[in-house]
Amino acid sequence: MDLQWQRQGEYWLRLLEVNAVQVAPHMAVSIGEDSLYLEMQSGRTLISAARPVEAHLRQVALLQMLGYLQPEVSHGLPMRTWLAQGRIWLSVMAPAGSEAELWASLSKLQRRLLDRVMGSGHVHSE
């Protein structure tokens, strides 16, 4: 892990107001029921988020999330979604040289998208 990525990782944690987490090439933090991940991969940064979904709501949640994932929503970066381990996941690869402000913006966007689909624990019927 290079020093620049380490410093950006520390700044990402501060921007998300997360304490007591040591910066590493693969980090996982919990905010409420969400799990957020930051991973260094070949000079780029993978930003992911996951939230638990009740079994009977998973397919509807996934279909609704797919409807929201347009590149213009995520700074022109393609975002993926899938179901695994009883959770709905979102993931986006930030470009090489990107910094913590973009990473935090994408993490917050992922949480807003999860909120939009899940609301307060319920999948919206639109």
Foldseek 3Di string as FASTA:
>chain_A
DDPQVQVLQVVLCVLVPHPDFHDDQWDWDDDPQKIWIWHDDPQKIKIKMKGAAPPVCVVVLQVVLVVVQDCVLLVNWGKDWDDDPRIIMIMTIGDHPDGSVSNNVNNVSVVVSVCQQQPPNRGDDD
